[in-house]
Amino acid sequence: MKTLFFYGTLRHLPLLECVMGQSADQLDFDPAVLPDHIALSARDGPYPVLTPSKGASTQGVVVRGLSDRDIARLDYYEGGFGYDLERLTLADGTEADVFLPTPDVRAMDAPWDFADWETHWAAMSVAAAEEVMAGFGTLPRDVIATRFPQIRKRAWSRVLAQNGRHGAGVLKGNVDILNRQRAHTAFFGFDEVQLRHETFDGGTSKVLDRSIFVSSDAAIVLPYDPVRDRILLVEQLRMGPIGRHDPVVWQMEPVAGLIDPGETAADTARREAEEEAGLTLHRLEEVGECYASPGATTEFFNLFVGLCDLPETAPRICGKTSEGEDIRTHVMSFDALLELAEARRTANAPLTLLTYWLAHHRTRLRADVAG
């Protein structure tokens, strides 16, 4: 049996319970202090970096009686972040193992604030840990570590889902999830689910076997220049048409991107406009929010029209090469875009929706800049 000292995110009991796979009521733990160390904020994420500092002290909890399996679960979670166990002496003279950062984990000068982390990041961290720990025993921790950026985005989407505007007038019935297994985790996830649910007549459905394609929330923005009455589309290779065996695999669409942890949809729309098209958006018009296909996927779209300047019409090559993006921009008149939509040649649902929204609001937007 081993004793560990936790100074960071695992002081949050729901997260510790998730990683340990057991209730905190089953754990033997107490507050503790580690001398001559300070917890600093990490440069690469919302977690601490423990650093030697003479005369400083770090608050935490000590957990006793941990089994080899407990340690294996903790190492699976912490090891993916570049943390390894080392024996240290606590303020009361007892020894405990502590997860310390490896040299490649970088710290900032600012102290890490546990209370601030609980307010802003705890819910996302627990959701991410659920997906991480689902791989325990089946996926190497190094593989999980490479997938963690996308896992965090999916977890952030779970946080954002609590603040949706839709749902008026629908049944608030009971859904009983009997089993949910992550069948695949990579850039996207894929879940197999067994459930039953309350029916409209007050009964209960039979047990249903369903599959869910698990993505993260996205911001989609159609750049529009109301002075010149032009829009911008981006062209790039798309995996959906490849999977469908569509001969047209380069597609025209609005600017779009997945929402990073801590971002709002508006933050993402502005960032992606800069990354994908080199544009600065002057103003965002909120168009709506919707599921891409609620019968099968968690994909959730936040739609915008972004007002900007589009003085040039020549195509440009853009995108972040570090993310494998190869993007060509197209500037055209709004009338040309509307003609494409009317001819059923916009094979992209958000683009079609944004086109007709802009057709409805275009006069107002042009009057705003003219007046």
Protein backbone atom coordinates (compact mmCIF):
# COMPACT_ATOMS: atom_id res chain seq x y z
CA MET A 1 0.00 0.00 0.00
CA LYS A 2 1.26 3.49 -0.88
CA THR A 3 0.69 7.06 0.25
CA LEU A 4 0.38 9.88 -2.28
CA PHE A 5 0.26 13.66 -1.94
CA PHE A 6 -1.96 15.56 -4.40
CA TYR A 7 -1.40 19.29 -4.88
CA GLY A 8 -3.19 19.98 -8.16
CA THR A 9 -6.38 19.11 -9.99
CA LEU A 10 -6.79 15.76 -8.21
CA ARG A 11 -7.61 17.66 -5.02
CA HIS A 12 -11.02 18.08 -6.70
CA LEU A 13 -12.85 15.03 -5.35
CA PRO A 14 -15.11 14.37 -8.39
CA LEU A 15 -12.00 14.24 -10.57
CA LEU A 16 -10.14 12.02 -8.10
CA GLU A 17 -13.14 9.67 -7.94
CA CYS A 18 -13.25 9.47 -11.73
CA VAL A 19 -9.54 8.67 -12.06
CA MET A 20 -9.52 6.23 -9.13
CA GLY A 21 -12.73 4.52 -10.23
CA GLN A 22 -14.17 4.63 -6.70
CA SER A 23 -16.01 6.89 -4.31
CA ALA A 24 -14.05 9.31 -2.14
CA ASP A 25 -15.83 7.72 0.83
CA GLN A 26 -13.62 4.66 0.28
CA LEU A 27 -10.40 6.69 0.46
CA ASP A 28 -8.33 7.57 3.52
CA PHE A 29 -7.27 11.19 3.00
CA ASP A 30 -6.48 14.36 4.97
CA PRO A 31 -5.21 17.88 4.25
CA ALA A 32 -1.41 18.12 4.07
CA VAL A 33 1.38 20.55 3.24
CA LEU A 34 4.49 20.04 1.11
CA PRO A 35 7.34 22.38 2.17
CA ASP A 36 9.89 24.10 -0.05
CA HIS A 37 7.76 23.80 -3.20
CA ILE A 38 5.38 26.08 -5.08
CA ALA A 39 2.64 25.20 -7.57
CA LEU A 40 2.94 27.40 -10.67
CA SER A 41 0.56 27.63 -13.63
CA ALA A 42 1.51 25.51 -16.63
CA ARG A 43 2.10 27.22 -19.96
CA ASP A 44 0.22 24.61 -21.95
CA GLY A 45 -2.97 24.04 -19.98
CA PRO A 46 -5.06 24.63 -16.87
CA TYR A 47 -3.00 22.58 -14.44
CA PRO A 48 -0.09 23.21 -12.03
CA VAL A 49 3.63 22.59 -12.27
CA LEU A 50 5.24 21.79 -8.91
CA THR A 51 8.57 23.62 -8.61
CA PRO A 52 11.18 23.60 -5.79
CA SER A 53 11.16 26.92 -3.92
CA LYS A 54 13.00 27.33 -0.61
CA GLY A 55 10.68 28.55 2.16
CA ALA A 56 7.49 28.18 0.12
CA SER A 57 4.76 25.64 0.87
CA THR A 58 2.07 23.94 -1.18
CA GLN A 59 -1.34 22.94 0.14
CA GLY A 60 -2.81 19.59 -0.83
CA VAL A 61 -4.22 16.30 0.37
CA VAL A 62 -2.51 13.08 1.35
CA VAL A 63 -4.20 9.79 0.42
CA ARG A 64 -3.14 6.58 2.16
CA GLY A 65 -3.58 2.89 1.51
CA LEU A 66 -3.44 2.96 -2.27
CA SER A 67 -3.18 -0.40 -4.02
CA ASP A 68 -1.06 -1.27 -7.06
CA ARG A 69 -4.16 -0.96 -9.25
CA ASP A 70 -4.90 2.47 -7.77
CA ILE A 71 -1.37 3.57 -8.62
CA ALA A 72 -1.71 2.14 -12.13
CA ARG A 73 -4.88 4.17 -12.73
CA LEU A 74 -3.27 7.34 -11.39
CA ASP A 75 -0.13 6.80 -13.45
CA TYR A 76 -2.26 6.22 -16.57
CA TYR A 77 -3.92 9.61 -16.06
CA GLU A 78 -0.99 11.70 -14.82
CA GLY A 79 1.64 10.04 -16.98
CA GLY A 80 -0.07 11.24 -20.11
CA PHE A 81 0.57 14.81 -19.00
CA GLY A 82 4.28 14.20 -18.46
CA TYR A 83 4.22 13.62 -14.68
CA ASP A 84 6.06 10.84 -12.83
CA LEU A 85 6.10 9.75 -9.18
CA GLU A 86 8.85 10.80 -6.78
CA ARG A 87 9.15 10.34 -3.00
CA LEU A 88 9.10 13.62 -0.97
CA THR A 89 8.80 14.54 2.72
CA LEU A 90 5.71 16.42 3.89
CA ALA A 91 5.64 19.19 6.51
CA ASP A 92 4.70 16.74 9.28
CA GLY A 93 7.76 14.59 8.53
CA THR A 94 5.92 11.74 6.78
CA GLU A 95 6.90 10.62 3.30
CA ALA A 96 4.59 10.46 0.32
CA ASP A 97 4.89 9.87 -3.41
CA VAL A 98 4.15 12.96 -5.53
CA PHE A 99 3.54 13.33 -9.27
CA LEU A 100 6.26 15.71 -10.44
CA PRO A 101 6.53 17.22 -13.92
CA THR A 102 9.15 16.03 -16.36
CA PRO A 103 11.49 18.73 -17.77
CA ASP A 104 9.36 19.27 -20.89
CA VAL A 105 6.39 20.50 -18.81
CA ARG A 106 6.85 24.28 -18.76
CA ALA A 107 5.70 26.65 -16.02
CA MET A 108 4.85 30.34 -15.94
CA ASP A 109 5.82 32.71 -13.14
CA ALA A 110 2.24 33.02 -11.85
CA PRO A 111 1.11 30.81 -8.93
CA TRP A 112 -1.57 28.26 -9.76
CA ASP A 113 -4.97 29.05 -8.21
CA PHE A 114 -6.94 25.91 -7.26
CA ALA A 115 -10.15 27.83 -6.48
CA ASP A 116 -10.03 29.59 -9.86
CA TRP A 117 -9.42 26.25 -11.58
CA GLU A 118 -12.46 24.71 -9.86
CA THR A 119 -14.62 27.61 -11.04
CA HIS A 120 -13.54 27.60 -14.68
CA TRP A 121 -12.08 24.19 -15.52
CA ALA A 122 -13.26 21.49 -13.11
CA ALA A 123 -16.36 20.42 -15.07
CA MET A 124 -14.39 20.12 -18.31
CA SER A 125 -11.57 18.23 -16.57
CA VAL A 126 -13.94 15.64 -15.09
CA ALA A 127 -15.59 15.11 -18.47
CA ALA A 128 -12.18 14.70 -20.13
CA ALA A 129 -11.04 12.28 -17.41
CA GLU A 130 -14.07 10.08 -18.06
CA GLU A 131 -12.98 9.61 -21.65
CA VAL A 132 -9.31 9.19 -20.72
CA MET A 133 -10.02 6.56 -18.08
CA ALA A 134 -12.33 4.67 -20.43
CA GLY A 135 -9.13 3.71 -22.23
CA PHE A 136 -7.47 2.27 -19.13
CA GLY A 137 -6.48 -1.33 -19.78
CA THR A 138 -7.05 -1.10 -23.53
CA LEU A 139 -5.08 1.90 -24.86
CA PRO A 140 -1.49 2.82 -23.92
CA ARG A 141 -1.24 6.09 -21.98
CA ASP A 142 1.03 7.57 -24.67
CA VAL A 143 -1.71 7.02 -27.25
CA ILE A 144 -4.25 8.72 -25.00
CA ALA A 145 -1.81 11.61 -24.54
CA THR A 146 -1.65 12.25 -28.30
CA ARG A 147 -5.46 12.31 -28.43
CA PHE A 148 -5.90 14.51 -25.40
CA PRO A 149 -6.31 17.85 -27.25
CA GLN A 150 -9.38 16.48 -29.02
CA ILE A 151 -10.61 14.81 -25.81
CA ARG A 152 -10.49 18.21 -24.08
CA LYS A 153 -12.44 19.82 -26.93
CA ARG A 154 -15.15 17.17 -26.64
CA ALA A 155 -15.22 17.69 -22.88
CA TRP A 156 -15.54 21.46 -23.35
CA SER A 157 -18.51 20.81 -25.64
CA ARG A 158 -20.20 18.99 -22.75
CA VAL A 159 -19.77 22.14 -20.66
CA LEU A 160 -21.14 24.37 -23.45
CA ALA A 161 -24.11 22.03 -23.90
CA GLN A 162 -25.49 23.12 -20.53
CA ASN A 163 -26.23 26.62 -21.90
CA GLY A 164 -28.15 25.97 -25.13
CA ARG A 165 -31.06 28.18 -26.21
CA HIS A 166 -33.18 25.46 -27.81
CA GLY A 167 -35.64 23.01 -26.26
CA ALA A 168 -38.84 25.01 -25.77
CA GLY A 169 -41.96 22.87 -25.89
CA VAL A 170 -40.31 19.45 -26.03
CA LEU A 171 -40.73 16.48 -23.67
CA LYS A 172 -38.52 16.59 -20.57
CA GLY A 173 -38.73 12.83 -20.17
CA ASN A 174 -36.50 10.30 -18.46
CA VAL A 175 -33.70 8.58 -20.40
CA ASP A 176 -32.10 5.51 -18.82
CA ILE A 177 -28.61 4.83 -20.21
CA LEU A 178 -28.07 1.12 -19.58
CA ASN A 179 -24.63 0.93 -21.14
CA ARG A 180 -22.34 3.33 -23.00
CA GLN A 181 -19.01 2.15 -24.36
CA ARG A 182 -16.41 4.17 -26.24
CA ALA A 183 -15.75 1.98 -29.26
CA HIS A 184 -13.19 4.34 -30.78
CA THR A 185 -11.22 7.39 -29.64
CA ALA A 186 -9.07 9.44 -32.01
CA PHE A 187 -9.68 12.81 -33.68
CA PHE A 188 -13.35 11.93 -33.21
CA GLY A 189 -15.00 9.43 -30.91
CA PHE A 190 -17.59 6.71 -31.52
CA ASP A 191 -19.89 5.37 -28.80
CA GLU A 192 -22.13 2.31 -28.67
CA VAL A 193 -25.14 2.93 -26.42
CA GLN A 194 -27.98 0.87 -24.95
CA LEU A 195 -30.89 2.88 -23.57
CA ARG A 196 -34.58 3.07 -22.93
CA HIS A 197 -36.64 6.24 -22.60
CA GLU A 198 -39.95 7.63 -21.52
CA THR A 199 -42.51 7.67 -24.34
CA PHE A 200 -45.09 10.34 -25.17
CA ASP A 201 -47.91 8.21 -23.74
CA GLY A 202 -46.14 7.98 -20.37
CA GLY A 203 -44.75 4.49 -20.89
CA THR A 204 -41.21 3.23 -21.43
CA SER A 205 -39.60 2.23 -24.71
CA LYS A 206 -37.97 -1.12 -25.35
CA VAL A 207 -34.18 -1.32 -24.98
CA LEU A 208 -32.61 0.39 -27.98
CA ASP A 209 -29.15 -0.17 -29.46
CA ARG A 210 -27.77 3.04 -30.90
CA SER A 211 -24.44 4.50 -32.09
CA ILE A 212 -23.18 8.06 -31.61
CA PHE A 213 -20.50 9.88 -33.60
CA VAL A 214 -18.84 12.09 -30.97
CA SER A 215 -17.37 15.39 -32.13
CA SER A 216 -17.02 18.79 -30.48
CA ASP A 217 -18.84 22.07 -30.95
CA ALA A 218 -17.92 24.24 -33.92
CA ALA A 219 -18.23 27.88 -34.94
CA ILE A 220 -19.15 28.56 -38.57
CA VAL A 221 -18.97 32.05 -40.05
CA LEU A 222 -19.79 33.43 -43.49
CA PRO A 223 -17.59 36.51 -44.09
CA TYR A 224 -19.60 39.31 -45.72
CA ASP A 225 -18.57 42.75 -46.95
CA PRO A 226 -21.77 44.86 -46.85
CA VAL A 227 -20.16 47.79 -48.68
CA ARG A 228 -19.07 45.76 -51.70
CA ASP A 229 -21.85 43.17 -51.26
CA ARG A 230 -19.37 40.30 -51.41
CA ILE A 231 -18.90 37.08 -49.48
CA LEU A 232 -15.91 34.81 -49.00
CA LEU A 233 -15.91 31.02 -49.12
CA VAL A 234 -13.06 28.63 -48.40
CA GLU A 235 -12.26 25.54 -50.44
CA GLN A 236 -10.56 22.47 -49.01
CA LEU A 237 -10.50 18.68 -49.11
CA ARG A 238 -13.35 17.21 -47.02
CA MET A 239 -13.51 13.72 -45.50
CA GLY A 240 -17.30 13.34 -45.71
CA PRO A 241 -17.37 13.27 -49.51
CA ILE A 242 -14.40 10.89 -49.52
CA GLY A 243 -16.26 8.54 -47.18
CA ARG A 244 -19.39 8.76 -49.35
CA HIS A 245 -17.35 8.09 -52.53
CA ASP A 246 -18.41 11.45 -53.93
CA PRO A 247 -16.23 12.39 -56.94
CA VAL A 248 -16.25 16.03 -55.69
CA VAL A 249 -14.01 15.93 -52.61
CA TRP A 250 -12.87 19.58 -52.62
CA GLN A 251 -15.79 21.54 -51.24
CA MET A 252 -16.73 25.23 -50.94
CA GLU A 253 -17.96 26.24 -47.50
CA PRO A 254 -17.95 29.01 -44.89
CA VAL A 255 -15.03 29.48 -42.51
CA ALA A 256 -15.33 26.97 -39.66
CA GLY A 257 -13.44 25.47 -36.74
CA LEU A 258 -13.81 23.47 -33.55
CA ILE A 259 -14.19 25.49 -30.34
CA ASP A 260 -11.10 25.24 -28.14
CA PRO A 261 -11.43 24.80 -24.36
CA GLY A 262 -12.08 28.15 -22.71
CA GLU A 263 -13.25 29.78 -25.94
CA THR A 264 -16.69 31.06 -26.79
CA ALA A 265 -18.17 30.37 -30.22
CA ALA A 266 -17.56 34.02 -31.13
CA ASP A 267 -13.89 33.70 -30.10
CA THR A 268 -13.52 30.73 -32.41
CA ALA A 269 -15.28 32.45 -35.33
CA ARG A 270 -12.86 35.38 -35.15
CA ARG A 271 -9.81 33.12 -34.72
CA GLU A 272 -10.73 30.86 -37.62
CA ALA A 273 -11.44 33.81 -39.92
CA GLU A 274 -7.87 34.95 -39.32
CA GLU A 275 -6.33 31.46 -39.64
CA GLU A 276 -8.32 30.21 -42.65
CA ALA A 277 -8.77 33.41 -44.64
CA GLY A 278 -6.51 36.10 -43.16
CA LEU A 279 -9.56 38.19 -42.24
CA THR A 280 -10.33 40.51 -39.35
CA LEU A 281 -14.05 40.49 -38.59
CA HIS A 282 -15.45 43.88 -37.58
CA ARG A 283 -18.74 42.55 -36.24
CA LEU A 284 -20.44 39.20 -35.77
CA GLU A 285 -24.13 38.66 -36.48
CA GLU A 286 -25.50 35.67 -34.56
CA VAL A 287 -27.52 33.49 -36.91
CA GLY A 288 -28.36 30.45 -34.81
CA GLU A 289 -27.24 27.19 -33.25
CA CYS A 290 -28.10 23.67 -34.35
CA TYR A 291 -27.10 20.01 -34.38
CA ALA A 292 -25.68 18.82 -37.68
CA SER A 293 -27.69 15.60 -37.49
CA PRO A 294 -29.17 14.98 -34.01
CA GLY A 295 -30.14 11.41 -34.79
CA ALA A 296 -26.51 10.31 -35.06
CA THR A 297 -23.87 12.87 -34.07
CA THR A 298 -23.01 15.28 -31.26
CA GLU A 299 -21.74 17.85 -33.80
CA PHE A 300 -23.20 21.22 -32.80
CA PHE A 301 -22.90 24.34 -34.92
CA ASN A 302 -22.84 27.98 -33.84
CA LEU A 303 -23.60 30.01 -36.96
CA PHE A 304 -22.52 33.59 -37.70
CA VAL A 305 -22.25 36.11 -40.48
CA GLY A 306 -19.05 38.11 -40.01
CA LEU A 307 -18.85 41.66 -41.35
CA CYS A 308 -15.46 42.46 -42.87
CA ASP A 309 -13.63 44.11 -45.78
CA LEU A 310 -13.21 42.08 -48.97
CA PRO A 311 -11.45 44.45 -51.39
CA GLU A 312 -9.64 41.74 -53.33
CA THR A 313 -11.29 38.97 -55.35
CA ALA A 314 -8.23 36.93 -56.35
CA PRO A 315 -8.01 33.50 -54.64
CA ARG A 316 -5.42 33.16 -51.86
CA ILE A 317 -3.86 30.07 -50.25
CA CYS A 318 -4.34 30.09 -46.46
CA GLY A 319 -4.61 27.79 -43.46
CA LYS A 320 -2.34 26.51 -40.68
CA THR A 321 0.16 24.10 -42.19
CA SER A 322 0.88 22.77 -38.68
CA GLU A 323 -2.70 21.43 -38.65
CA GLY A 324 -2.51 20.04 -42.19
CA GLU A 325 -4.72 22.81 -43.61
CA ASP A 326 -4.52 23.61 -47.33
CA ILE A 327 -7.19 26.21 -48.01
CA ARG A 328 -8.05 28.35 -51.04
CA THR A 329 -10.29 31.40 -50.65
CA HIS A 330 -13.00 32.50 -53.09
CA VAL A 331 -14.58 35.96 -53.06
CA MET A 332 -17.83 36.39 -55.02
CA SER A 333 -20.84 38.65 -55.11
CA PHE A 334 -23.75 37.80 -52.89
CA ASP A 335 -25.96 37.45 -55.97
CA ALA A 336 -23.61 34.77 -57.32
CA LEU A 337 -23.83 32.88 -54.02
CA LEU A 338 -27.62 33.12 -53.99
CA GLU A 339 -27.73 31.78 -57.54
CA LEU A 340 -25.69 28.75 -56.39
CA ALA A 341 -28.12 28.12 -53.51
CA GLU A 342 -31.20 28.55 -55.74
CA ALA A 343 -29.71 26.08 -58.22
CA ARG A 344 -29.15 23.56 -55.35
CA ARG A 345 -25.40 23.71 -55.87
CA THR A 346 -24.39 24.55 -52.29
CA ALA A 347 -23.75 21.03 -50.98
CA ASN A 348 -23.07 22.30 -47.47
CA ALA A 349 -25.98 22.69 -45.05
CA PRO A 350 -24.53 25.56 -42.96
CA LEU A 351 -23.65 27.45 -46.13
CA THR A 352 -27.18 27.08 -47.49
CA LEU A 353 -28.71 28.21 -44.20
CA LEU A 354 -26.35 31.20 -43.93
CA THR A 355 -27.06 32.18 -47.54
CA TYR A 356 -30.80 32.44 -46.98
CA TRP A 357 -30.33 34.19 -43.62
CA LEU A 358 -28.14 36.77 -45.34
CA ALA A 359 -30.70 37.16 -48.12
CA HIS A 360 -33.25 38.05 -45.44
CA HIS A 361 -30.99 40.45 -43.49
CA ARG A 362 -28.80 41.83 -46.27
CA THR A 363 -30.72 45.09 -46.76
CA ARG A 364 -30.46 45.88 -43.03
CA LEU A 365 -26.74 45.13 -42.89
CA ARG A 366 -26.02 47.29 -45.93
CA ALA A 367 -28.10 50.15 -44.53
CA ASP A 368 -26.21 49.97 -41.22
CA VAL A 369 -22.88 50.66 -42.89
CA ALA A 370 -24.30 53.22 -45.33
CA GLY A 371 -25.99 55.27 -42.60
